[in-house]
Amino acid sequence: MAAIDELHDGTLDRIADDVPVVMVNLMKFREKSADGDGSGWDAYVRYSRGVNHLIRDVGGGIVWTGDAKGASFGPAEYGDWDFVALVRYPSKAAFRKFITSPEYEAENHHRVNGCESHVIIATEQAYGRFRED
């Protein structure tokens, strides 16, 4: 599945053009990669290695990653994720440039093969140590 097919531009339209965005990535991995090359995690690591330089090329960077342990508040099924990654981009245009590039598309099959589910929540910072104003 092409990443652009999954992109919800309406959500990005709710974010101002000139502010940084942090994408909250929630991932559930397949037990075995869909292409048979290791586990879902193995496929995701291949994807990550292939796209990290592309994130940097648009001025972005990984803020934080971690293993998800489950919901500590709210419906338990909402916390059924394996991994969380926070990725910061200088603007929504930078994110769009990253996710629609041919170089990204060449690596995206690893993500698709590895992830049973992958949701990216677009956020516009309200407060935090990286706030630029």
C-alpha atoms as a PDB file:
ATOM      1  CA  MET A   1       0.000   0.000   0.000  1.00  0.00           C
ATOM      2  CA  ALA A   2       1.388   3.387  -0.948  1.00  0.00           C
ATOM      3  CA  ALA A   3       1.897   5.783   1.931  1.00  0.00           C
ATOM      4  CA  ILE A   4       0.199   8.577   0.007  1.00  0.00           C
ATOM      5  CA  ASP A   5      -2.943   6.411  -0.163  1.00  0.00           C
ATOM      6  CA  GLU A   6      -3.035   6.430   3.632  1.00  0.00           C
ATOM      7  CA  LEU A   7      -2.369  10.171   4.070  1.00  0.00           C
ATOM      8  CA  HIS A   8      -5.320  12.170   5.429  1.00  0.00           C
ATOM      9  CA  ASP A   9      -4.610  15.694   4.189  1.00  0.00           C
ATOM     10  CA  GLY A  10      -7.740  17.004   5.932  1.00  0.00           C
ATOM     11  CA  THR A  11      -6.049  16.401   9.271  1.00  0.00           C
ATOM     12  CA  LEU A  12      -2.892  18.167   8.165  1.00  0.00           C
ATOM     13  CA  ASP A  13      -5.007  21.084   6.935  1.00  0.00           C
ATOM     14  CA  ARG A  14      -5.984  21.759  10.569  1.00  0.00           C
ATOM     15  CA  ILE A  15      -2.342  22.497  11.416  1.00  0.00           C
ATOM     16  CA  ALA A  16      -0.877  25.936  10.713  1.00  0.00           C
ATOM     17  CA  ASP A  17       1.577  26.084   7.805  1.00  0.00           C
ATOM     18  CA  ASP A  18       4.461  27.676   9.673  1.00  0.00           C
ATOM     19  CA  VAL A  19       4.718  25.569  12.844  1.00  0.00           C
ATOM     20  CA  PRO A  20       6.616  22.383  13.640  1.00  0.00           C
ATOM     21  CA  VAL A  21       4.603  19.181  13.888  1.00  0.00           C
ATOM     22  CA  VAL A  22       5.244  16.049  15.890  1.00  0.00           C
ATOM     23  CA  MET A  23       3.869  12.846  14.462  1.00  0.00           C
ATOM     24  CA  VAL A  24       2.883  10.318  17.114  1.00  0.00           C
ATOM     25  CA  ASN A  25       3.396   6.892  15.535  1.00  0.00           C
ATOM     26  CA  LEU A  26       1.565   3.927  17.094  1.00  0.00           C
ATOM     27  CA  MET A  27       2.613   0.542  15.720  1.00  0.00           C
ATOM     28  CA  LYS A  28       1.457  -3.045  16.110  1.00  0.00           C
ATOM     29  CA  PHE A  29       3.850  -5.511  14.484  1.00  0.00           C
ATOM     30  CA  ARG A  30       3.094  -8.736  12.678  1.00  0.00           C
ATOM     31  CA  GLU A  31       4.518 -11.838  14.294  1.00  0.00           C
ATOM     32  CA  LYS A  32       6.201 -12.659  10.960  1.00  0.00           C
ATOM     33  CA  SER A  33       6.947 -10.122   8.256  1.00  0.00           C
ATOM     34  CA  ALA A  34       4.475 -10.362   5.357  1.00  0.00           C
ATOM     35  CA  ASP A  35       7.395 -10.986   2.979  1.00  0.00           C
ATOM     36  CA  GLY A  36       8.693 -13.862   5.137  1.00  0.00           C
ATOM     37  CA  ASP A  37      11.955 -12.066   5.921  1.00  0.00           C
ATOM     38  CA  GLY A  38      12.074 -12.280   9.720  1.00  0.00           C
ATOM     39  CA  SER A  39       9.624 -10.809  12.191  1.00  0.00           C
ATOM     40  CA  GLY A  40       7.453  -7.737  11.801  1.00  0.00           C
ATOM     41  CA  TRP A  41       9.940  -5.925  14.018  1.00  0.00           C
ATOM     42  CA  ASP A  42      12.794  -6.964  11.684  1.00  0.00           C
ATOM     43  CA  ALA A  43      10.925  -5.496   8.706  1.00  0.00           C
ATOM     44  CA  TYR A  44      10.224  -2.286  10.621  1.00  0.00           C
ATOM     45  CA  VAL A  45      13.919  -1.946  11.487  1.00  0.00           C
ATOM     46  CA  ARG A  46      14.749  -2.233   7.760  1.00  0.00           C
ATOM     47  CA  TYR A  47      12.189   0.505   7.052  1.00  0.00           C
ATOM     48  CA  SER A  48      13.568   2.695   9.810  1.00  0.00           C
ATOM     49  CA  ARG A  49      17.147   2.357   8.583  1.00  0.00           C
ATOM     50  CA  GLY A  50      16.001   3.230   5.076  1.00  0.00           C
ATOM     51  CA  VAL A  51      14.046   6.367   5.981  1.00  0.00           C
ATOM     52  CA  ASN A  52      15.906   7.974   8.891  1.00  0.00           C
ATOM     53  CA  HIS A  53      18.180   9.946   6.549  1.00  0.00           C
ATOM     54  CA  LEU A  54      15.104  11.076   4.583  1.00  0.00           C
ATOM     55  CA  ILE A  55      13.574  12.474   7.773  1.00  0.00           C
ATOM     56  CA  ARG A  56      16.791  14.380   8.461  1.00  0.00           C
ATOM     57  CA  ASP A  57      16.921  15.584   4.836  1.00  0.00           C
ATOM     58  CA  VAL A  58      13.628  17.480   5.342  1.00  0.00           C
ATOM     59  CA  GLY A  59      14.811  18.937   8.660  1.00  0.00           C
ATOM     60  CA  GLY A  60      13.077  16.406  10.893  1.00  0.00           C
ATOM     61  CA  GLY A  61      14.259  14.067  13.589  1.00  0.00           C
ATOM     62  CA  ILE A  62      13.204  11.347  15.962  1.00  0.00           C
ATOM     63  CA  VAL A  63      12.342  12.852  19.338  1.00  0.00           C
ATOM     64  CA  TRP A  64      11.631   9.620  21.228  1.00  0.00           C
ATOM     65  CA  THR A  65      10.838   5.944  20.717  1.00  0.00           C
ATOM     66  CA  GLY A  66       9.747   3.259  23.141  1.00  0.00           C
ATOM     67  CA  ASP A  67       8.031  -0.043  23.674  1.00  0.00           C
ATOM     68  CA  ALA A  68       4.318   0.329  24.377  1.00  0.00           C
ATOM     69  CA  LYS A  69       3.267  -1.493  27.544  1.00  0.00           C
ATOM     70  CA  GLY A  70      -0.497  -0.954  27.342  1.00  0.00           C
ATOM     71  CA  ALA A  71      -3.166   1.518  28.349  1.00  0.00           C
ATOM     72  CA  SER A  72      -2.807   2.818  31.875  1.00  0.00           C
ATOM     73  CA  PHE A  73      -6.000   4.882  31.622  1.00  0.00           C
ATOM     74  CA  GLY A  74      -9.070   4.486  29.435  1.00  0.00           C
ATOM     75  CA  PRO A  75     -10.238   1.429  27.498  1.00  0.00           C
ATOM     76  CA  ALA A  76      -7.526  -1.256  27.624  1.00  0.00           C
ATOM     77  CA  GLU A  77      -7.947  -2.136  23.932  1.00  0.00           C
ATOM     78  CA  TYR A  78      -6.852   1.384  22.962  1.00  0.00           C
ATOM     79  CA  GLY A  79      -3.406   0.602  24.345  1.00  0.00           C
ATOM     80  CA  ASP A  80      -2.809  -2.490  22.199  1.00  0.00           C
ATOM     81  CA  TRP A  81       0.330  -1.204  20.468  1.00  0.00           C
ATOM     82  CA  ASP A  82       3.865  -2.584  20.403  1.00  0.00           C
ATOM     83  CA  PHE A  83       5.900   0.537  19.729  1.00  0.00           C
ATOM     84  CA  VAL A  84       5.582   4.324  19.834  1.00  0.00           C
ATOM     85  CA  ALA A  85       7.739   6.865  18.004  1.00  0.00           C
ATOM     86  CA  LEU A  86       7.565  10.661  18.154  1.00  0.00           C
ATOM     87  CA  VAL A  87       8.979  12.244  15.003  1.00  0.00           C
ATOM     88  CA  ARG A  88       9.315  16.022  14.678  1.00  0.00           C
ATOM     89  CA  TYR A  89       9.183  17.873  11.366  1.00  0.00           C
ATOM     90  CA  PRO A  90       9.752  21.616  10.921  1.00  0.00           C
ATOM     91  CA  SER A  91       6.373  21.919   9.155  1.00  0.00           C
ATOM     92  CA  LYS A  92       3.558  19.878   7.682  1.00  0.00           C
ATOM     93  CA  ALA A  93       5.054  20.640   4.261  1.00  0.00           C
ATOM     94  CA  ALA A  94       8.271  18.910   5.353  1.00  0.00           C
ATOM     95  CA  PHE A  95       6.269  15.863   6.477  1.00  0.00           C
ATOM     96  CA  ARG A  96       4.393  15.778   3.163  1.00  0.00           C
ATOM     97  CA  LYS A  97       7.671  16.072   1.246  1.00  0.00           C
ATOM     98  CA  PHE A  98       9.084  13.144   3.211  1.00  0.00           C
ATOM     99  CA  ILE A  99       6.105  10.805   2.929  1.00  0.00           C
ATOM    100  CA  THR A 100       5.426  11.505  -0.768  1.00  0.00           C
ATOM    101  CA  SER A 101       9.020  11.203  -1.989  1.00  0.00           C
ATOM    102  CA  PRO A 102      10.027   8.390  -4.352  1.00  0.00           C
ATOM    103  CA  GLU A 103      12.835   7.520  -1.926  1.00  0.00           C
ATOM    104  CA  TYR A 104      10.297   7.004   0.860  1.00  0.00           C
ATOM    105  CA  GLU A 105       8.092   4.891  -1.383  1.00  0.00           C
ATOM    106  CA  ALA A 106      11.078   2.662  -2.184  1.00  0.00           C
ATOM    107  CA  GLU A 107      11.394   1.826   1.550  1.00  0.00           C
ATOM    108  CA  ASN A 108       7.727   1.835   2.567  1.00  0.00           C
ATOM    109  CA  HIS A 109       7.165  -1.838   1.679  1.00  0.00           C
ATOM    110  CA  HIS A 110       9.229  -2.780   4.749  1.00  0.00           C
ATOM    111  CA  ARG A 111       6.815  -0.818   6.971  1.00  0.00           C
ATOM    112  CA  VAL A 112       3.806  -2.423   5.285  1.00  0.00           C
ATOM    113  CA  ASN A 113       5.350  -5.892   5.615  1.00  0.00           C
ATOM    114  CA  GLY A 114       6.168  -5.349   9.271  1.00  0.00           C
ATOM    115  CA  CYS A 115       3.164  -3.515  10.642  1.00  0.00           C
ATOM    116  CA  GLU A 116      -0.172  -5.132  11.284  1.00  0.00           C
ATOM    117  CA  SER A 117      -1.403  -1.633  12.212  1.00  0.00           C
ATOM    118  CA  HIS A 118       0.260   1.764  12.050  1.00  0.00           C
ATOM    119  CA  VAL A 119      -1.463   4.998  12.998  1.00  0.00           C
ATOM    120  CA  ILE A 120       0.187   8.409  12.820  1.00  0.00           C
ATOM    121  CA  ILE A 121      -1.429  11.176  14.855  1.00  0.00           C
ATOM    122  CA  ALA A 122      -0.494  14.672  13.682  1.00  0.00           C
ATOM    123  CA  THR A 123       0.094  17.091  16.550  1.00  0.00           C
ATOM    124  CA  GLU A 124       0.771  20.807  16.741  1.00  0.00           C
ATOM    125  CA  GLN A 125       2.694  21.680  19.882  1.00  0.00           C
ATOM    126  CA  ALA A 126       0.925  23.673  22.572  1.00  0.00           C
ATOM    127  CA  TYR A 127       3.656  23.506  25.207  1.00  0.00           C
ATOM    128  CA  GLY A 128       7.026  21.820  25.618  1.00  0.00           C
ATOM    129  CA  ARG A 129      10.734  22.349  25.712  1.00  0.00           C
ATOM    130  CA  PHE A 130      10.975  22.490  21.911  1.00  0.00           C
ATOM    131  CA  ARG A 131       8.463  25.338  21.558  1.00  0.00           C
ATOM    132  CA  GLU A 132      10.097  28.001  19.382  1.00  0.00           C
ATOM    133  CA  ASP A 133       8.127  31.104  20.379  1.00  0.00           C
END
